[in-house]
Amino acid sequence: MSYVNHLNYANKNGNVYCCLRNKIVQLGEEQVSNYCRGCTMFNGVDAQYTHVQCFWNDSREPQDEEVHVVHDPQLEFMSMQSRDIRCG
């Protein structure tokens, strides 16, 4: 596992996958104020809310060692539900 910056682009409906809440959310001022700004994984958002960056230890094989780009929040959500959890 390695720490990876996740660049989550909002889809045409303005939605992104939120790892903190483990759900698809509407990216906007309410989400950023109520959740992102208090999240230890939060790594920035653009002024137009087209994308948000989250930095966390991802157990999946990232497509790039430094940045994981997400354009489909539903696909990202499904990928996170099937991740391999190893205990011990």
Protein backbone atom coordinates (compact mmCIF):
# COMPACT_ATOMS: atom_id res chain seq x y z
CA MET A 1 0.00 0.00 0.00
CA SER A 2 1.12 3.50 -0.71
CA TYR A 3 -0.18 7.01 -0.22
CA VAL A 4 -1.74 8.23 -3.45
CA ASN A 5 -3.32 11.53 -4.42
CA HIS A 6 -6.83 10.80 -5.75
CA LEU A 7 -8.02 13.36 -8.29
CA ASN A 8 -11.81 12.94 -8.29
CA TYR A 9 -13.53 14.73 -11.18
CA ALA A 10 -17.23 15.48 -10.82
CA ASN A 11 -19.42 13.69 -13.36
CA LYS A 12 -22.06 15.49 -15.47
CA ASN A 13 -24.36 15.54 -12.41
CA GLY A 14 -21.68 17.10 -10.20
CA ASN A 15 -21.10 13.91 -8.20
CA VAL A 16 -17.84 12.41 -6.88
CA TYR A 17 -16.98 9.41 -4.74
CA CYS A 18 -16.18 10.34 -1.13
CA CYS A 19 -13.91 7.86 0.65
CA LEU A 20 -14.63 9.41 4.06
CA ARG A 21 -18.37 8.81 3.71
CA ASN A 22 -17.98 5.77 1.40
CA LYS A 23 -20.66 7.08 -0.91
CA ILE A 24 -21.25 9.17 -3.99
CA VAL A 25 -21.89 12.79 -3.05
CA GLN A 26 -22.70 16.09 -4.73
CA LEU A 27 -19.47 18.12 -4.89
CA GLY A 28 -20.21 21.67 -3.80
CA GLU A 29 -19.82 24.14 -0.95
CA GLU A 30 -22.00 22.08 1.42
CA GLN A 31 -19.92 18.90 0.93
CA VAL A 32 -16.62 20.78 1.18
CA SER A 33 -17.65 22.77 4.28
CA ASN A 34 -19.34 19.94 6.16
CA TYR A 35 -17.02 17.05 5.29
CA CYS A 36 -13.95 17.80 3.18
CA ARG A 37 -12.43 20.60 5.24
CA GLY A 38 -12.47 18.43 8.38
CA CYS A 39 -11.19 15.30 6.65
CA THR A 40 -7.55 14.26 7.11
CA MET A 41 -7.54 12.96 3.50
CA PHE A 42 -8.61 16.33 1.99
CA ASN A 43 -5.95 17.70 -0.36
CA GLY A 44 -7.79 20.57 -2.07
CA VAL A 45 -10.70 21.49 -4.32
CA ASP A 46 -10.93 23.83 -7.29
CA ALA A 47 -13.07 26.97 -7.08
CA GLN A 48 -15.66 25.72 -9.60
CA TYR A 49 -16.09 22.35 -7.83
CA THR A 50 -15.10 20.39 -10.93
CA HIS A 51 -12.77 18.15 -8.93
CA VAL A 52 -11.52 17.40 -5.43
CA GLN A 53 -8.20 15.89 -4.35
CA CYS A 54 -7.92 13.34 -1.56
CA PHE A 55 -4.62 11.89 -0.31
CA TRP A 56 -4.76 8.49 1.40
CA ASN A 57 -3.18 5.06 1.72
CA ASP A 58 -4.80 3.03 -1.08
CA SER A 59 -4.55 -0.78 -0.92
CA ARG A 60 -5.54 -1.14 -4.59
CA GLU A 61 -3.02 -1.13 -7.39
CA PRO A 62 -3.00 2.53 -8.52
CA GLN A 63 -2.79 3.32 -12.23
CA ASP A 64 0.04 5.71 -11.38
CA GLU A 65 2.25 5.77 -8.32
CA GLU A 66 1.45 9.39 -7.48
CA VAL A 67 -2.03 10.18 -8.85
CA HIS A 68 -5.20 8.12 -9.23
CA VAL A 69 -7.58 9.95 -11.59
CA VAL A 70 -11.29 9.21 -11.18
CA HIS A 71 -13.86 10.25 -13.80
CA ASP A 72 -16.61 7.78 -12.87
CA PRO A 73 -17.70 7.99 -9.21
CA GLN A 74 -19.91 4.89 -9.52
CA LEU A 75 -17.02 2.78 -10.79
CA GLU A 76 -14.78 4.11 -8.00
CA PHE A 77 -17.47 3.32 -5.41
CA MET A 78 -17.78 -0.26 -6.69
CA SER A 79 -14.00 -0.66 -6.74
CA MET A 80 -13.79 0.44 -3.10
CA GLN A 81 -16.45 -2.08 -2.05
CA SER A 82 -14.46 -4.99 -3.43
CA ARG A 83 -11.03 -4.00 -2.14
CA ASP A 84 -8.86 -6.67 -0.52
CA ILE A 85 -8.75 -6.25 3.26
CA ARG A 86 -5.88 -7.95 5.06
CA CYS A 87 -5.80 -8.10 8.83
CA GLY A 88 -2.83 -8.95 11.02
